[in-house]
């Protein structure tokens, strides 16, 4: 599944360093940690690059070792990171996963981060005259007043030759001291909105695709991800549901970003509603089959026949760890 020559995509948002325990036991006893990175928008950029789409990630990181690790990791995935701002005074954000038998708690250390200092000046870094899509999420407006102002201005400006996609990406901890009602305003100014049915229910009071269409009349396209059941695309007065693939899940983290990348790549390629949703499901499956946020795409001999398969073949398919 490759989508070369579909034009450039810019993904705008924070990426942080992640510290994960490298040994079992209570977190206060852990002495060895594994360093990774995590960021919804850079995940999408990495997935797009691996699908053959020219992608760049725009953000700000600190002038520190963590910032350099973020740039190295995202750049190594084939993403252009040349427009990332290096902030000389603010640090790169950090979060820590505290694994336990009851689940994995996440603690964020991002207040005052370099990315939270982004503002209107970042819009000029996006090279809007040379891209076909800008991808943002509902995480960014929660980081600071300047980040909210940046997204508002970006979405309000006239668009010539490009679209803006907005993934809800609800993170309740970020909105504890902020008003999440602004997420409706921002989403309604986008061209494409992606949201999980469960998170849309929490934030907007409904995860039903038809009701979301009425609630958000502005976007041309609304995609509702309905977990293991599938996903629905509402567009141009029509609704299309495509069931998800059956997958032996290794780790669910990152599947939403992977779905967004697959769907957006196929959208830019001018594919049908069915193919666009299937491309999302296939890329999400690749993420579900690995512990990494961004794994390798499934091989073409698996994806290409499934993209064009009849409904019965698609429904019977099952993807397993090789």
C-alpha atoms as a PDB file:
ATOM      1  CA  UNK A   1       0.000   0.000   0.000  1.00  0.00           C
ATOM      2  CA  UNK A   2       1.864   3.011  -1.327  1.00  0.00           C
ATOM      3  CA  UNK A   3       0.637   6.516  -2.141  1.00  0.00           C
ATOM      4  CA  UNK A   4       3.534   8.287  -3.840  1.00  0.00           C
ATOM      5  CA  UNK A   5       3.002  11.510  -5.777  1.00  0.00           C
ATOM      6  CA  UNK A   6      -0.031  12.633  -3.785  1.00  0.00           C
ATOM      7  CA  UNK A   7       1.525  15.900  -2.596  1.00  0.00           C
ATOM      8  CA  UNK A   8       2.995  17.152   0.632  1.00  0.00           C
ATOM      9  CA  UNK A   9       1.486  16.956   4.124  1.00  0.00           C
ATOM     10  CA  UNK A  10       2.496  19.072   7.106  1.00  0.00           C
ATOM     11  CA  UNK A  11       1.716  17.799  10.617  1.00  0.00           C
ATOM     12  CA  UNK A  12       1.751  20.427  13.376  1.00  0.00           C
ATOM     13  CA  UNK A  13       1.904  19.543  17.080  1.00  0.00           C
ATOM     14  CA  UNK A  14       4.005  18.589  20.084  1.00  0.00           C
ATOM     15  CA  UNK A  15       6.154  15.480  20.370  1.00  0.00           C
ATOM     16  CA  UNK A  16       7.716  14.523  23.682  1.00  0.00           C
ATOM     17  CA  UNK A  17      10.245  12.097  25.003  1.00  0.00           C
ATOM     18  CA  UNK A  18       8.687   9.075  26.711  1.00  0.00           C
ATOM     19  CA  UNK A  19      10.315   7.151  29.544  1.00  0.00           C
ATOM     20  CA  UNK A  20       9.068   3.570  29.914  1.00  0.00           C
ATOM     21  CA  UNK A  21      10.187   1.141  32.650  1.00  0.00           C
ATOM     22  CA  UNK A  22      12.612  -1.407  31.236  1.00  0.00           C
ATOM     23  CA  UNK A  23      12.130  -3.784  34.174  1.00  0.00           C
ATOM     24  CA  UNK A  24       9.138  -5.052  36.170  1.00  0.00           C
ATOM     25  CA  UNK A  25       8.162  -3.871  39.615  1.00  0.00           C
ATOM     26  CA  UNK A  26       6.774  -0.777  41.366  1.00  0.00           C
ATOM     27  CA  UNK A  27       7.780   2.387  39.569  1.00  0.00           C
ATOM     28  CA  UNK A  28       9.599   3.811  42.600  1.00  0.00           C
ATOM     29  CA  UNK A  29      11.912   0.772  42.493  1.00  0.00           C
ATOM     30  CA  UNK A  30      12.650   0.927  38.752  1.00  0.00           C
ATOM     31  CA  UNK A  31      16.292   1.729  38.003  1.00  0.00           C
ATOM     32  CA  UNK A  32      16.365   1.157  34.245  1.00  0.00           C
ATOM     33  CA  UNK A  33      14.222   3.029  31.748  1.00  0.00           C
ATOM     34  CA  UNK A  34      13.717   2.840  27.998  1.00  0.00           C
ATOM     35  CA  UNK A  35      13.589   6.147  26.144  1.00  0.00           C
ATOM     36  CA  UNK A  36      11.176   6.588  23.251  1.00  0.00           C
ATOM     37  CA  UNK A  37       9.195   9.480  21.790  1.00  0.00           C
ATOM     38  CA  UNK A  38       5.478  10.133  21.557  1.00  0.00           C
ATOM     39  CA  UNK A  39       3.363  12.624  19.642  1.00  0.00           C
ATOM     40  CA  UNK A  40       0.113  12.183  17.717  1.00  0.00           C
ATOM     41  CA  UNK A  41       0.992  14.523  14.869  1.00  0.00           C
ATOM     42  CA  UNK A  42       4.532  13.254  14.359  1.00  0.00           C
ATOM     43  CA  UNK A  43       3.138   9.696  14.451  1.00  0.00           C
ATOM     44  CA  UNK A  44       0.877  10.605  11.544  1.00  0.00           C
ATOM     45  CA  UNK A  45       3.806  12.174   9.687  1.00  0.00           C
ATOM     46  CA  UNK A  46       5.906   9.027  10.181  1.00  0.00           C
ATOM     47  CA  UNK A  47       3.102   6.756   8.985  1.00  0.00           C
ATOM     48  CA  UNK A  48       2.588   8.956   5.920  1.00  0.00           C
ATOM     49  CA  UNK A  49       6.284   8.866   5.073  1.00  0.00           C
ATOM     50  CA  UNK A  50       6.275   5.067   5.264  1.00  0.00           C
ATOM     51  CA  UNK A  51       3.302   5.026   2.919  1.00  0.00           C
ATOM     52  CA  UNK A  52       5.288   7.021   0.379  1.00  0.00           C
ATOM     53  CA  UNK A  53       3.733  10.418   1.101  1.00  0.00           C
ATOM     54  CA  UNK A  54       6.047  13.419   1.336  1.00  0.00           C
ATOM     55  CA  UNK A  55       5.507  14.616   4.894  1.00  0.00           C
ATOM     56  CA  UNK A  56       6.986  17.114   7.296  1.00  0.00           C
ATOM     57  CA  UNK A  57       6.518  17.719  10.991  1.00  0.00           C
ATOM     58  CA  UNK A  58       6.508  21.258  12.388  1.00  0.00           C
ATOM     59  CA  UNK A  59       6.815  21.963  16.095  1.00  0.00           C
ATOM     60  CA  UNK A  60       9.227  23.288  18.702  1.00  0.00           C
ATOM     61  CA  UNK A  61      11.666  21.367  20.870  1.00  0.00           C
ATOM     62  CA  UNK A  62      14.153  22.459  23.478  1.00  0.00           C
ATOM     63  CA  UNK A  63      17.831  22.976  22.820  1.00  0.00           C
ATOM     64  CA  UNK A  64      18.569  19.839  24.804  1.00  0.00           C
ATOM     65  CA  UNK A  65      19.373  16.146  24.435  1.00  0.00           C
ATOM     66  CA  UNK A  66      15.696  15.187  24.489  1.00  0.00           C
ATOM     67  CA  UNK A  67      14.953  17.621  21.679  1.00  0.00           C
ATOM     68  CA  UNK A  68      17.751  16.173  19.583  1.00  0.00           C
ATOM     69  CA  UNK A  69      16.430  12.656  20.261  1.00  0.00           C
ATOM     70  CA  UNK A  70      12.989  13.683  19.003  1.00  0.00           C
ATOM     71  CA  UNK A  71      14.408  15.229  15.835  1.00  0.00           C
ATOM     72  CA  UNK A  72      16.648  12.224  15.163  1.00  0.00           C
ATOM     73  CA  UNK A  73      13.828   9.717  15.626  1.00  0.00           C
ATOM     74  CA  UNK A  74      11.218  11.516  13.546  1.00  0.00           C
ATOM     75  CA  UNK A  75      13.754  12.387  10.852  1.00  0.00           C
ATOM     76  CA  UNK A  76      14.934   8.778  10.670  1.00  0.00           C
ATOM     77  CA  UNK A  77      11.396   7.768   9.666  1.00  0.00           C
ATOM     78  CA  UNK A  78      11.733   9.823   6.493  1.00  0.00           C
ATOM     79  CA  UNK A  79       9.932  12.913   7.762  1.00  0.00           C
ATOM     80  CA  UNK A  80      11.254  16.415   7.002  1.00  0.00           C
ATOM     81  CA  UNK A  81      12.042  18.059  10.363  1.00  0.00           C
ATOM     82  CA  UNK A  82      13.937  21.048   8.979  1.00  0.00           C
ATOM     83  CA  UNK A  83      11.209  23.515   9.978  1.00  0.00           C
ATOM     84  CA  UNK A  84      11.104  22.531  13.662  1.00  0.00           C
ATOM     85  CA  UNK A  85      12.018  25.455  15.914  1.00  0.00           C
ATOM     86  CA  UNK A  86      14.773  24.914  18.476  1.00  0.00           C
ATOM     87  CA  UNK A  87      13.768  26.901  21.555  1.00  0.00           C
ATOM     88  CA  UNK A  88      16.809  28.138  23.503  1.00  0.00           C
ATOM     89  CA  UNK A  89      14.937  28.714  26.780  1.00  0.00           C
ATOM     90  CA  UNK A  90      12.138  26.134  27.092  1.00  0.00           C
ATOM     91  CA  UNK A  91      12.710  22.373  27.492  1.00  0.00           C
ATOM     92  CA  UNK A  92      11.426  19.497  25.424  1.00  0.00           C
ATOM     93  CA  UNK A  93       8.299  17.960  26.946  1.00  0.00           C
ATOM     94  CA  UNK A  94       8.493  14.632  28.766  1.00  0.00           C
ATOM     95  CA  UNK A  95       6.070  11.993  29.923  1.00  0.00           C
ATOM     96  CA  UNK A  96       6.555   8.852  31.954  1.00  0.00           C
ATOM     97  CA  UNK A  97       4.617   5.590  31.714  1.00  0.00           C
ATOM     98  CA  UNK A  98       4.217   3.915  35.082  1.00  0.00           C
ATOM     99  CA  UNK A  99       3.423   0.322  34.177  1.00  0.00           C
ATOM    100  CA  UNK A 100       1.559  -1.809  36.714  1.00  0.00           C
ATOM    101  CA  UNK A 101      -0.722  -4.837  36.837  1.00  0.00           C
ATOM    102  CA  UNK A 102      -3.706  -2.477  36.969  1.00  0.00           C
ATOM    103  CA  UNK A 103      -2.690  -0.630  33.812  1.00  0.00           C
ATOM    104  CA  UNK A 104      -0.211   2.003  32.677  1.00  0.00           C
ATOM    105  CA  UNK A 105      -0.606   5.424  34.253  1.00  0.00           C
ATOM    106  CA  UNK A 106       0.914   8.319  32.347  1.00  0.00           C
ATOM    107  CA  UNK A 107       2.439  11.362  34.005  1.00  0.00           C
ATOM    108  CA  UNK A 108       3.101  14.442  31.881  1.00  0.00           C
ATOM    109  CA  UNK A 109       5.899  16.956  32.400  1.00  0.00           C
ATOM    110  CA  UNK A 110       5.040  19.360  29.601  1.00  0.00           C
ATOM    111  CA  UNK A 111       4.016  22.610  31.322  1.00  0.00           C
ATOM    112  CA  UNK A 112       6.263  25.346  29.959  1.00  0.00           C
ATOM    113  CA  UNK A 113       7.602  23.070  27.230  1.00  0.00           C
ATOM    114  CA  UNK A 114       9.051  24.390  23.993  1.00  0.00           C
ATOM    115  CA  UNK A 115       5.962  23.293  22.072  1.00  0.00           C
ATOM    116  CA  UNK A 116       3.635  25.073  24.501  1.00  0.00           C
ATOM    117  CA  UNK A 117       5.422  28.280  23.499  1.00  0.00           C
ATOM    118  CA  UNK A 118       4.288  27.969  19.877  1.00  0.00           C
ATOM    119  CA  UNK A 119       2.198  30.870  18.596  1.00  0.00           C
ATOM    120  CA  UNK A 120       1.116  32.716  15.466  1.00  0.00           C
ATOM    121  CA  UNK A 121       4.682  32.928  14.163  1.00  0.00           C
ATOM    122  CA  UNK A 122       4.656  29.167  13.598  1.00  0.00           C
ATOM    123  CA  UNK A 123       2.118  29.475  10.790  1.00  0.00           C
ATOM    124  CA  UNK A 124       4.776  31.013   8.562  1.00  0.00           C
ATOM    125  CA  UNK A 125       6.869  27.842   8.997  1.00  0.00           C
ATOM    126  CA  UNK A 126       4.224  25.663   7.368  1.00  0.00           C
ATOM    127  CA  UNK A 127       5.045  26.643   3.743  1.00  0.00           C
ATOM    128  CA  UNK A 128       1.324  26.634   2.962  1.00  0.00           C
ATOM    129  CA  UNK A 129       1.857  27.416  -0.694  1.00  0.00           C
ATOM    130  CA  UNK A 130       3.500  24.061  -1.331  1.00  0.00           C
ATOM    131  CA  UNK A 131       1.359  21.557   0.615  1.00  0.00           C
ATOM    132  CA  UNK A 132      -1.934  19.799  -0.013  1.00  0.00           C
ATOM    133  CA  UNK A 133      -2.842  19.048   3.590  1.00  0.00           C
ATOM    134  CA  UNK A 134      -2.103  20.345   7.088  1.00  0.00           C
ATOM    135  CA  UNK A 135      -2.876  17.907   9.892  1.00  0.00           C
ATOM    136  CA  UNK A 136      -3.565  19.099  13.453  1.00  0.00           C
ATOM    137  CA  UNK A 137      -5.234  17.691  16.548  1.00  0.00           C
ATOM    138  CA  UNK A 138      -7.194  18.641  19.626  1.00  0.00           C
ATOM    139  CA  UNK A 139      -4.113  18.197  21.781  1.00  0.00           C
ATOM    140  CA  UNK A 140      -2.412  21.404  20.634  1.00  0.00           C
ATOM    141  CA  UNK A 141      -5.056  23.962  21.727  1.00  0.00           C
ATOM    142  CA  UNK A 142      -4.876  22.585  25.274  1.00  0.00           C
ATOM    143  CA  UNK A 143      -1.156  23.325  25.616  1.00  0.00           C
ATOM    144  CA  UNK A 144      -1.375  27.117  26.011  1.00  0.00           C
ATOM    145  CA  UNK A 145      -3.275  30.237  25.010  1.00  0.00           C
ATOM    146  CA  UNK A 146      -0.734  30.923  22.273  1.00  0.00           C
ATOM    147  CA  UNK A 147      -1.167  27.416  20.842  1.00  0.00           C
ATOM    148  CA  UNK A 148      -4.936  27.909  20.788  1.00  0.00           C
ATOM    149  CA  UNK A 149      -4.509  31.270  19.044  1.00  0.00           C
ATOM    150  CA  UNK A 150      -2.207  29.628  16.498  1.00  0.00           C
ATOM    151  CA  UNK A 151      -4.753  26.954  15.560  1.00  0.00           C
ATOM    152  CA  UNK A 152      -7.620  29.449  15.445  1.00  0.00           C
ATOM    153  CA  UNK A 153      -5.700  31.682  13.047  1.00  0.00           C
ATOM    154  CA  UNK A 154      -4.578  28.775  10.887  1.00  0.00           C
ATOM    155  CA  UNK A 155      -8.143  27.481  10.544  1.00  0.00           C
ATOM    156  CA  UNK A 156      -9.634  30.931   9.932  1.00  0.00           C
ATOM    157  CA  UNK A 157      -7.279  31.900   7.113  1.00  0.00           C
ATOM    158  CA  UNK A 158      -8.417  31.380   3.505  1.00  0.00           C
ATOM    159  CA  UNK A 159      -7.100  28.130   2.063  1.00  0.00           C
ATOM    160  CA  UNK A 160      -5.749  27.978  -1.450  1.00  0.00           C
ATOM    161  CA  UNK A 161      -4.925  24.517  -2.742  1.00  0.00           C
ATOM    162  CA  UNK A 162      -4.746  22.708   0.598  1.00  0.00           C
ATOM    163  CA  UNK A 163      -7.024  21.184   3.209  1.00  0.00           C
ATOM    164  CA  UNK A 164      -6.821  20.972   6.998  1.00  0.00           C
ATOM    165  CA  UNK A 165      -7.578  17.767   8.859  1.00  0.00           C
ATOM    166  CA  UNK A 166      -8.406  17.824  12.579  1.00  0.00           C
ATOM    167  CA  UNK A 167      -8.196  14.721  14.780  1.00  0.00           C
ATOM    168  CA  UNK A 168     -10.027  15.162  18.086  1.00  0.00           C
ATOM    169  CA  UNK A 169      -7.448  13.172  20.110  1.00  0.00           C
ATOM    170  CA  UNK A 170      -9.159  13.793  23.440  1.00  0.00           C
ATOM    171  CA  UNK A 171      -6.725  14.004  26.361  1.00  0.00           C
ATOM    172  CA  UNK A 172      -8.798  14.790  29.493  1.00  0.00           C
ATOM    173  CA  UNK A 173      -5.775  15.554  31.686  1.00  0.00           C
ATOM    174  CA  UNK A 174      -4.843  18.445  29.414  1.00  0.00           C
ATOM    175  CA  UNK A 175      -8.261  20.066  29.722  1.00  0.00           C
ATOM    176  CA  UNK A 176      -8.581  20.012  33.513  1.00  0.00           C
ATOM    177  CA  UNK A 177      -8.047  23.793  33.702  1.00  0.00           C
ATOM    178  CA  UNK A 178      -9.267  24.741  30.227  1.00  0.00           C
ATOM    179  CA  UNK A 179     -12.629  24.918  28.452  1.00  0.00           C
ATOM    180  CA  UNK A 180     -12.943  22.033  25.948  1.00  0.00           C
ATOM    181  CA  UNK A 181     -15.929  23.643  24.214  1.00  0.00           C
ATOM    182  CA  UNK A 182     -13.411  25.325  21.907  1.00  0.00           C
ATOM    183  CA  UNK A 183     -12.828  21.936  20.266  1.00  0.00           C
ATOM    184  CA  UNK A 184     -16.196  22.233  18.514  1.00  0.00           C
ATOM    185  CA  UNK A 185     -15.242  25.640  17.124  1.00  0.00           C
ATOM    186  CA  UNK A 186     -11.908  24.390  15.814  1.00  0.00           C
ATOM    187  CA  UNK A 187     -13.252  21.149  14.368  1.00  0.00           C
ATOM    188  CA  UNK A 188     -16.059  22.934  12.570  1.00  0.00           C
ATOM    189  CA  UNK A 189     -13.531  25.077  10.674  1.00  0.00           C
ATOM    190  CA  UNK A 190     -11.573  22.058   9.393  1.00  0.00           C
ATOM    191  CA  UNK A 191     -12.102  20.268   6.084  1.00  0.00           C
ATOM    192  CA  UNK A 192     -11.721  16.756   7.500  1.00  0.00           C
ATOM    193  CA  UNK A 193     -12.535  15.751  11.084  1.00  0.00           C
ATOM    194  CA  UNK A 194     -11.550  12.414  12.602  1.00  0.00           C
ATOM    195  CA  UNK A 195     -12.827  11.265  15.988  1.00  0.00           C
ATOM    196  CA  UNK A 196     -13.346   8.102  17.933  1.00  0.00           C
ATOM    197  CA  UNK A 197     -16.998   7.478  18.733  1.00  0.00           C
ATOM    198  CA  UNK A 198     -16.166   7.088  22.428  1.00  0.00           C
ATOM    199  CA  UNK A 199     -14.229  10.349  22.703  1.00  0.00           C
ATOM    200  CA  UNK A 200     -16.809  12.254  20.636  1.00  0.00           C
ATOM    201  CA  UNK A 201     -19.478  11.016  23.055  1.00  0.00           C
ATOM    202  CA  UNK A 202     -17.507  12.491  25.963  1.00  0.00           C
ATOM    203  CA  UNK A 203     -16.579  15.807  24.353  1.00  0.00           C
ATOM    204  CA  UNK A 204     -19.519  16.516  22.041  1.00  0.00           C
ATOM    205  CA  UNK A 205     -22.304  14.463  23.596  1.00  0.00           C
ATOM    206  CA  UNK A 206     -22.635  11.981  20.738  1.00  0.00           C
ATOM    207  CA  UNK A 207     -20.582   9.452  18.833  1.00  0.00           C
ATOM    208  CA  UNK A 208     -23.311   8.851  16.261  1.00  0.00           C
ATOM    209  CA  UNK A 209     -22.079   9.812  12.762  1.00  0.00           C
ATOM    210  CA  UNK A 210     -25.378  11.399  11.669  1.00  0.00           C
ATOM    211  CA  UNK A 211     -25.662  13.470  14.831  1.00  0.00           C
ATOM    212  CA  UNK A 212     -22.031  14.549  14.551  1.00  0.00           C
ATOM    213  CA  UNK A 213     -22.755  15.678  10.995  1.00  0.00           C
ATOM    214  CA  UNK A 214     -25.522  17.929  12.339  1.00  0.00           C
ATOM    215  CA  UNK A 215     -23.343  19.106  15.221  1.00  0.00           C
ATOM    216  CA  UNK A 216     -20.418  19.938  12.895  1.00  0.00           C
ATOM    217  CA  UNK A 217     -21.881  21.284   9.634  1.00  0.00           C
ATOM    218  CA  UNK A 218     -18.642  22.933   8.492  1.00  0.00           C
ATOM    219  CA  UNK A 219     -16.273  20.090   7.525  1.00  0.00           C
ATOM    220  CA  UNK A 220     -16.737  18.396   4.186  1.00  0.00           C
ATOM    221  CA  UNK A 221     -15.737  15.023   5.661  1.00  0.00           C
ATOM    222  CA  UNK A 222     -16.315  13.506   9.101  1.00  0.00           C
ATOM    223  CA  UNK A 223     -14.774  10.157   9.999  1.00  0.00           C
ATOM    224  CA  UNK A 224     -16.028   8.359  13.089  1.00  0.00           C
ATOM    225  CA  UNK A 225     -13.770   5.553  14.292  1.00  0.00           C
ATOM    226  CA  UNK A 226     -15.915   2.925  15.990  1.00  0.00           C
ATOM    227  CA  UNK A 227     -13.224   0.706  17.473  1.00  0.00           C
ATOM    228  CA  UNK A 228     -13.154  -2.937  16.471  1.00  0.00           C
ATOM    229  CA  UNK A 229     -16.501  -2.544  14.708  1.00  0.00           C
ATOM    230  CA  UNK A 230     -15.191  -0.286  11.955  1.00  0.00           C
ATOM    231  CA  UNK A 231     -15.393   3.343  10.820  1.00  0.00           C
ATOM    232  CA  UNK A 232     -17.956   5.586   9.133  1.00  0.00           C
ATOM    233  CA  UNK A 233     -17.268   8.358   6.634  1.00  0.00           C
ATOM    234  CA  UNK A 234     -19.946  11.051   6.286  1.00  0.00           C
ATOM    235  CA  UNK A 235     -19.327  13.198   3.216  1.00  0.00           C
ATOM    236  CA  UNK A 236     -21.300  15.080   0.558  1.00  0.00           C
ATOM    237  CA  UNK A 237     -24.621  13.966   1.993  1.00  0.00           C
ATOM    238  CA  UNK A 238     -23.671  10.277   1.996  1.00  0.00           C
ATOM    239  CA  UNK A 239     -22.555   7.874   4.716  1.00  0.00           C
ATOM    240  CA  UNK A 240     -20.293   4.875   4.208  1.00  0.00           C
ATOM    241  CA  UNK A 241     -19.414   2.322   6.898  1.00  0.00           C
ATOM    242  CA  UNK A 242     -16.484  -0.045   6.485  1.00  0.00           C
ATOM    243  CA  UNK A 243     -15.939  -2.828   9.045  1.00  0.00           C
ATOM    244  CA  UNK A 244     -12.565  -3.117  10.704  1.00  0.00           C
ATOM    245  CA  UNK A 245     -10.254  -6.022  10.033  1.00  0.00           C
ATOM    246  CA  UNK A 246      -9.926  -8.769  12.582  1.00  0.00           C
ATOM    247  CA  UNK A 247      -6.496  -8.372  14.136  1.00  0.00           C
ATOM    248  CA  UNK A 248      -4.561 -10.212  16.848  1.00  0.00           C
ATOM    249  CA  UNK A 249      -3.841  -7.082  18.875  1.00  0.00           C
ATOM    250  CA  UNK A 250      -0.398  -6.779  20.454  1.00  0.00           C
ATOM    251  CA  UNK A 251      -0.689  -3.152  21.629  1.00  0.00           C
ATOM    252  CA  UNK A 252      -3.560  -0.723  20.890  1.00  0.00           C
ATOM    253  CA  UNK A 253      -1.589   2.504  21.390  1.00  0.00           C
ATOM    254  CA  UNK A 254      -1.050   4.445  18.180  1.00  0.00           C
ATOM    255  CA  UNK A 255      -3.764   2.792  16.104  1.00  0.00           C
ATOM    256  CA  UNK A 256      -5.780   6.008  15.817  1.00  0.00           C
ATOM    257  CA  UNK A 257      -2.858   7.957  14.375  1.00  0.00           C
ATOM    258  CA  UNK A 258      -2.124   5.094  11.978  1.00  0.00           C
ATOM    259  CA  UNK A 259      -5.740   5.049  10.800  1.00  0.00           C
ATOM    260  CA  UNK A 260      -5.641   8.805  10.203  1.00  0.00           C
ATOM    261  CA  UNK A 261      -2.497   8.484   8.073  1.00  0.00           C
ATOM    262  CA  UNK A 262      -3.884   5.675   5.938  1.00  0.00           C
ATOM    263  CA  UNK A 263      -7.190   7.442   5.417  1.00  0.00           C
ATOM    264  CA  UNK A 264      -5.586  10.800   4.594  1.00  0.00           C
ATOM    265  CA  UNK A 265      -3.052   9.279   2.182  1.00  0.00           C
ATOM    266  CA  UNK A 266      -5.831   7.531   0.253  1.00  0.00           C
ATOM    267  CA  UNK A 267      -7.931  10.703   0.344  1.00  0.00           C
ATOM    268  CA  UNK A 268      -5.134  12.727  -1.244  1.00  0.00           C
ATOM    269  CA  UNK A 269      -4.786  10.002  -3.870  1.00  0.00           C
ATOM    270  CA  UNK A 270      -8.444  10.478  -4.844  1.00  0.00           C
ATOM    271  CA  UNK A 271      -9.566   7.002  -3.804  1.00  0.00           C
ATOM    272  CA  UNK A 272     -13.144   5.894  -3.198  1.00  0.00           C
ATOM    273  CA  UNK A 273     -14.795   6.074   0.223  1.00  0.00           C
ATOM    274  CA  UNK A 274     -14.379   2.321   0.677  1.00  0.00           C
ATOM    275  CA  UNK A 275     -10.684   2.373  -0.234  1.00  0.00           C
ATOM    276  CA  UNK A 276      -9.988   5.369   2.003  1.00  0.00           C
ATOM    277  CA  UNK A 277     -11.526   3.693   5.032  1.00  0.00           C
ATOM    278  CA  UNK A 278      -9.842   0.378   4.243  1.00  0.00           C
ATOM    279  CA  UNK A 279      -6.484   2.130   3.938  1.00  0.00           C
ATOM    280  CA  UNK A 280      -7.088   3.517   7.406  1.00  0.00           C
ATOM    281  CA  UNK A 281      -7.987   0.106   8.783  1.00  0.00           C
ATOM    282  CA  UNK A 282      -4.942  -1.536   7.182  1.00  0.00           C
ATOM    283  CA  UNK A 283      -2.529   1.036   8.563  1.00  0.00           C
ATOM    284  CA  UNK A 284      -4.174   0.784  11.989  1.00  0.00           C
ATOM    285  CA  UNK A 285      -3.754  -2.992  11.806  1.00  0.00           C
ATOM    286  CA  UNK A 286      -0.025  -2.533  11.208  1.00  0.00           C
ATOM    287  CA  UNK A 287       0.149  -0.511  14.429  1.00  0.00           C
ATOM    288  CA  UNK A 288      -1.960  -3.006  16.374  1.00  0.00           C
ATOM    289  CA  UNK A 289       0.419  -5.827  15.452  1.00  0.00           C
ATOM    290  CA  UNK A 290       3.412  -4.184  17.148  1.00  0.00           C
ATOM    291  CA  UNK A 291       4.343  -2.593  20.463  1.00  0.00           C
ATOM    292  CA  UNK A 292       5.667   0.458  18.621  1.00  0.00           C
ATOM    293  CA  UNK A 293       3.580   3.595  18.022  1.00  0.00           C
ATOM    294  CA  UNK A 294       4.756   3.550  14.406  1.00  0.00           C
ATOM    295  CA  UNK A 295       5.507   0.112  13.055  1.00  0.00           C
ATOM    296  CA  UNK A 296       6.363  -0.917   9.526  1.00  0.00           C
ATOM    297  CA  UNK A 297       3.490  -0.919   7.009  1.00  0.00           C
ATOM    298  CA  UNK A 298       2.014  -4.247   6.043  1.00  0.00           C
ATOM    299  CA  UNK A 299       3.543  -5.714   2.873  1.00  0.00           C
ATOM    300  CA  UNK A 300       1.932  -4.881  -0.468  1.00  0.00           C
ATOM    301  CA  UNK A 301       1.030  -8.508  -1.161  1.00  0.00           C
ATOM    302  CA  UNK A 302      -1.248  -8.304   1.908  1.00  0.00           C
ATOM    303  CA  UNK A 303      -2.669  -4.803   1.555  1.00  0.00           C
ATOM    304  CA  UNK A 304      -3.211  -4.412  -2.186  1.00  0.00           C
ATOM    305  CA  UNK A 305      -5.594  -7.391  -2.640  1.00  0.00           C
ATOM    306  CA  UNK A 306      -7.533  -6.376   0.478  1.00  0.00           C
ATOM    307  CA  UNK A 307      -8.025  -2.802  -0.705  1.00  0.00           C
ATOM    308  CA  UNK A 308      -9.929  -4.120  -3.712  1.00  0.00           C
ATOM    309  CA  UNK A 309     -11.442  -7.261  -2.156  1.00  0.00           C
ATOM    310  CA  UNK A 310     -15.184  -7.889  -2.199  1.00  0.00           C
ATOM    311  CA  UNK A 311     -16.967  -7.441   1.155  1.00  0.00           C
ATOM    312  CA  UNK A 312     -16.998 -11.161   1.927  1.00  0.00           C
ATOM    313  CA  UNK A 313     -13.226 -11.538   1.482  1.00  0.00           C
ATOM    314  CA  UNK A 314     -12.589  -8.401   3.524  1.00  0.00           C
ATOM    315  CA  UNK A 315     -14.853  -9.611   6.338  1.00  0.00           C
ATOM    316  CA  UNK A 316     -13.155 -13.027   6.412  1.00  0.00           C
ATOM    317  CA  UNK A 317      -9.606 -11.646   6.573  1.00  0.00           C
ATOM    318  CA  UNK A 318      -7.626 -11.934   9.782  1.00  0.00           C
ATOM    319  CA  UNK A 319      -4.191 -10.448  10.411  1.00  0.00           C
ATOM    320  CA  UNK A 320      -1.786 -12.114  12.813  1.00  0.00           C
ATOM    321  CA  UNK A 321       1.727 -11.501  14.049  1.00  0.00           C
ATOM    322  CA  UNK A 322       4.108 -13.257  11.668  1.00  0.00           C
END
